Protein backbone atom coordinates (compact mmCIF):
# COMPACT_ATOMS: atom_id res chain seq x y z
CA PHE A 1 12.59 -0.50 -45.53
CA PHE A 2 12.83 1.49 -42.70
CA SER A 3 16.05 2.46 -41.38
CA THR A 4 14.12 3.56 -37.91
CA PRO A 5 11.50 1.96 -35.38
CA SER A 6 9.92 5.08 -35.75
CA GLN A 7 9.29 5.00 -39.16
CA LEU A 8 8.25 1.27 -39.06
CA LEU A 9 5.84 1.94 -36.61
CA PHE A 10 4.20 5.23 -38.96
CA HIS A 11 3.90 2.83 -41.83
CA ILE A 12 2.36 0.70 -39.52
CA TYR A 13 -0.56 2.77 -38.55
CA GLU A 14 -0.70 4.63 -41.66
CA ASP A 15 -1.01 1.81 -43.66
CA HIS A 16 -2.79 -0.73 -41.72
CA LEU A 17 -4.31 0.77 -38.29
CA LYS A 18 -5.36 3.77 -39.60
CA ALA A 19 -8.36 2.28 -41.62
CA LEU A 20 -9.31 0.41 -38.89
CA VAL A 21 -9.50 3.74 -36.69
CA GLN A 22 -11.85 5.33 -38.86
CA SER A 23 -14.22 2.68 -39.50
CA HIS A 24 -14.42 2.35 -35.76
CA ALA A 25 -14.65 5.99 -34.85
CA SER A 26 -17.57 5.59 -37.43
CA SER A 27 -19.26 2.91 -35.60
CA ALA A 28 -18.52 3.78 -32.43
CA ALA A 29 -20.61 6.86 -33.20
CA LYS A 30 -23.66 4.65 -33.33
CA ASN A 31 -22.77 2.55 -30.46
CA PRO A 32 -20.89 3.99 -27.62
CA ASP A 33 -19.91 0.63 -26.01
CA ASN A 34 -18.67 -0.80 -28.73
CA VAL A 35 -14.76 -1.72 -28.11
CA CYS A 36 -12.09 -1.84 -31.26
CA MET A 37 -10.39 -5.05 -30.69
CA ILE A 38 -7.23 -5.52 -32.91
CA ARG A 39 -5.53 -8.64 -33.48
CA CYS A 40 -1.58 -8.65 -34.54
CA ARG A 41 -0.71 -9.97 -37.80
CA TRP A 42 3.36 -10.47 -37.42
CA PRO A 43 4.33 -13.58 -38.75
CA MET A 44 4.38 -15.58 -35.64
CA CYS A 45 3.31 -13.47 -33.12
CA ASP A 46 0.37 -14.56 -31.30
CA SER A 47 -3.56 -13.21 -32.24
CA THR A 48 -4.44 -11.72 -28.68
CA PRO A 49 -7.23 -9.10 -29.43
CA ARG A 50 -6.25 -5.69 -28.35
CA THR A 51 -7.73 -2.46 -28.30
CA LEU A 52 -5.96 0.03 -30.43
CA TRP A 53 -3.44 1.79 -27.43
CA SER A 54 -2.69 -1.68 -26.25
CA MET A 55 -1.88 -3.00 -29.98
CA THR A 56 0.49 -0.07 -30.79
CA THR A 57 2.18 -0.45 -27.34
CA HIS A 58 2.63 -4.59 -28.63
CA LEU A 59 4.28 -3.03 -31.64
CA GLN A 60 6.69 -0.39 -30.37
CA ASP A 61 7.40 -2.45 -27.67
CA VAL A 62 7.69 -5.82 -29.74
CA HIS A 63 8.05 -5.49 -32.99
CA CYS A 64 9.26 -1.84 -33.73
CA THR A 65 12.66 -2.20 -31.94
CA GLU A 66 16.23 -1.40 -32.65
CA GLN A 67 16.80 -5.41 -32.09
CA SER A 68 14.41 -6.31 -34.16
CA LEU A 69 15.37 -4.77 -36.96
CA GLU A 70 18.81 -5.75 -36.45
CA ILE A 71 17.87 -9.58 -37.03
CA ASN A 72 16.01 -8.68 -40.23
CA LEU A 73 18.55 -7.35 -41.67
CA GLN A 74 20.84 -9.95 -40.64
CA LYS A 75 18.12 -12.68 -42.28
CA ARG A 76 17.97 -10.01 -45.42
CA ASN A 77 21.91 -10.47 -45.80
CA GLU A 78 22.03 -14.12 -44.87
CA PHE A 79 18.93 -15.28 -47.19
CA GLY A 80 18.73 -12.96 -49.90
CA LEU A 81 15.73 -10.35 -50.53
CA ASP A 82 13.71 -13.03 -52.46
CA ASP A 83 14.09 -15.50 -50.04
CA TYR A 84 13.29 -13.55 -47.32
CA ILE A 85 10.28 -12.56 -48.57
CA ASN A 86 9.10 -15.90 -49.26
CA GLN A 87 9.91 -17.02 -45.98
CA ILE A 88 7.64 -14.36 -44.43
CA ARG A 89 4.97 -15.61 -46.68
CA GLN A 90 4.74 -18.76 -45.32
CA LEU A 91 5.14 -17.56 -41.98
CA PHE A 92 1.93 -15.52 -42.82
CA LYS A 93 0.18 -18.86 -44.20
CA GLN A 94 1.10 -20.78 -41.06
CA ASN A 95 -0.44 -18.34 -39.11
CA ARG A 96 -3.85 -18.27 -41.31
CA GLU A 97 -3.59 -22.06 -40.91
CA GLN A 98 -3.25 -22.24 -37.29
CA GLY A 99 -6.36 -20.12 -36.65
CA GLN A 100 -6.48 -17.64 -34.05
CA GLN A 101 -6.74 -17.71 -30.18
CA PRO A 102 -9.70 -17.71 -28.85
CA GLY A 103 -8.08 -14.51 -26.60
CA TYR A 104 -9.42 -12.83 -23.38
CA ALA A 105 -11.82 -10.37 -22.39
CA PRO A 106 -11.20 -6.48 -23.22
CA PHE A 107 -10.09 -5.70 -19.85
CA ALA A 108 -8.45 -8.65 -19.20
CA ALA A 109 -4.96 -7.49 -18.13
CA TYR A 110 -6.65 -4.17 -16.04
CA GLU A 111 -8.55 -7.25 -14.08
CA ALA A 112 -5.32 -9.30 -13.80
CA ILE A 113 -3.48 -6.70 -12.15
CA ARG A 114 -6.65 -5.86 -9.68
CA ARG A 115 -6.75 -9.26 -8.81
CA HIS A 116 -3.10 -9.79 -7.88
CA ALA A 117 -2.77 -6.53 -6.17
CA LEU A 118 -5.56 -7.22 -3.55
CA THR A 119 -3.64 -10.29 -2.23
CA ASN A 120 -0.17 -8.67 -0.47
CA LEU A 121 -2.15 -5.69 0.93
CA LYS A 122 0.18 -4.57 3.88
CA LYS A 123 -1.43 -5.11 7.13
CA ASP A 124 -3.03 -2.12 8.46
CA LEU A 125 -2.10 -0.60 12.41
CA THR A 126 -5.87 -1.05 13.12
CA ASP A 127 -6.44 -4.50 12.16
CA ASP A 128 -4.83 -5.85 14.98
CA ASN A 129 -6.74 -7.25 18.02
CA GLU A 130 -5.36 -5.13 21.04
CA GLY A 131 -4.70 -6.47 24.11
CA PRO A 132 -5.53 -5.00 27.66
CA VAL A 133 -1.95 -3.39 28.20
CA THR A 134 -2.48 -2.12 24.76
CA ARG A 135 -5.21 -0.95 25.20
CA ASN A 136 -5.10 0.99 28.26
CA ILE A 137 -1.51 2.53 26.60
CA ARG A 138 -3.23 3.95 23.49
CA LEU A 139 -6.32 5.43 25.60
CA THR A 140 -4.02 7.03 28.12
CA SER A 141 -2.27 8.24 25.24
CA ALA A 142 -5.31 9.64 23.68
CA ILE A 143 -6.58 10.79 26.69
CA ILE A 144 -2.99 13.35 27.64
CA LEU A 145 -3.47 14.59 24.31
CA ARG A 146 -7.13 15.76 24.58
CA ASN A 147 -6.26 17.39 27.87
CA LEU A 148 -3.17 18.87 26.22
CA SER A 149 -5.68 20.09 23.59
CA LYS A 150 -8.13 21.42 25.37
CA HIS A 151 -6.01 23.83 27.29
CA SER A 152 -2.53 24.10 25.58
CA THR A 153 -2.45 26.80 22.85
CA LEU A 154 1.21 25.34 22.36
CA ALA A 155 -0.12 21.84 21.84
CA ARG A 156 -2.54 22.73 19.63
CA ARG A 157 -0.70 24.12 17.38
CA LYS A 158 1.86 21.32 17.42
CA LEU A 159 -0.74 18.71 17.16
CA GLN A 160 -2.13 20.48 13.66
CA ARG A 161 0.34 18.79 11.79
CA PHE A 162 -0.78 15.54 12.92
CA GLU A 163 -4.04 16.19 12.08
CA GLY A 164 -4.35 13.58 9.23
CA PHE A 165 -2.95 10.68 11.19
CA LEU A 166 -5.43 11.37 13.93
CA SER A 167 -8.31 11.67 11.84
CA TRP A 168 -7.53 8.38 10.42
CA LEU A 169 -7.30 6.53 14.05
CA SER A 170 -10.67 8.42 14.83
CA LEU A 171 -12.29 6.61 12.45
CA SER A 172 -10.81 2.97 13.28
CA LYS A 173 -11.99 0.23 15.38
CA LEU A 174 -9.67 1.16 18.41
CA GLU A 175 -11.11 2.00 21.76
CA SER A 176 -9.02 5.09 21.78
CA SER A 177 -10.91 6.24 18.61
CA ARG A 178 -13.79 8.35 20.58
CA THR A 179 -11.02 10.18 22.54
CA LEU A 180 -9.21 11.28 19.80
CA SER A 181 -12.25 12.43 17.90
CA GLN A 182 -12.66 14.73 21.07
CA CYS A 183 -8.93 15.56 20.73
CA LEU A 184 -9.59 16.96 16.96
CA PHE A 185 -12.61 18.76 18.03
CA GLU A 186 -10.31 20.63 20.36
CA ILE A 187 -7.76 21.44 17.64
CA ILE A 188 -10.40 22.65 15.24
CA THR A 189 -12.69 24.55 17.22
CA GLN A 190 -9.67 26.22 19.32
CA SER A 191 -7.63 26.74 16.11
CA PRO A 192 -9.68 29.91 15.03
CA ILE A 193 -9.31 31.37 18.60
CA ASP A 194 -5.76 31.18 18.64
CA ASN A 195 -5.64 32.94 15.56
CA ASN A 196 -7.55 35.52 16.63
CA ASN A 197 -5.69 35.83 19.90
CA ASN A 198 -1.97 35.72 18.43
CA GLU A 199 -3.60 38.29 15.64
CA GLN A 200 -4.70 40.89 18.44
CA LEU A 201 -1.65 40.00 20.30
CA LYS A 202 0.61 41.29 17.40
CA SER A 203 -1.60 44.67 17.28
CA THR A 204 -0.75 44.88 20.49
CA GLU A 205 2.72 44.61 20.45
CA GLU A 206 2.73 46.92 17.29
CA GLU A 207 1.05 49.92 18.87
């Protein structure tokens, strides 16, 4: 018997899973597309086919836990060792008689997560249809930002912090996207000139 869940998990891997892993490694060398699928043979557990790491996680989360060991210890103390072993053998026999479940696709869990993740996407700001008032406000704001970035060094320096957000808006379907692209052009092209002017100013002050 095992006193800790880690000892039980190590025993399962060494005595039961290791041979499957080694045999799969040799077959995978010949056929890289071959995926090693393992079915849990724990008594009264579902026989869903799992990959190696999925099976290891299943054993660690379901069977090799402190609670599971305590329950099995109570059963051994209650029924006695011989009766407890006989019960386990009967459960193994029931598993074989019930047969195996058809199982799932190799990446069923990943596909389920991907499928449900796409159902509740957050609505994007640029997905809304612009009304005339909203369109005029956004376009006017974009023109102001473009003019500031064209004629003001301080404005360009402050707008550089929002360059990523402005880039995202400039690639959208908003009517102001073209004006924002011009604003970004002014920020990008004028920034090296601003830096050179600042360096020249510093050198002049030092002299």
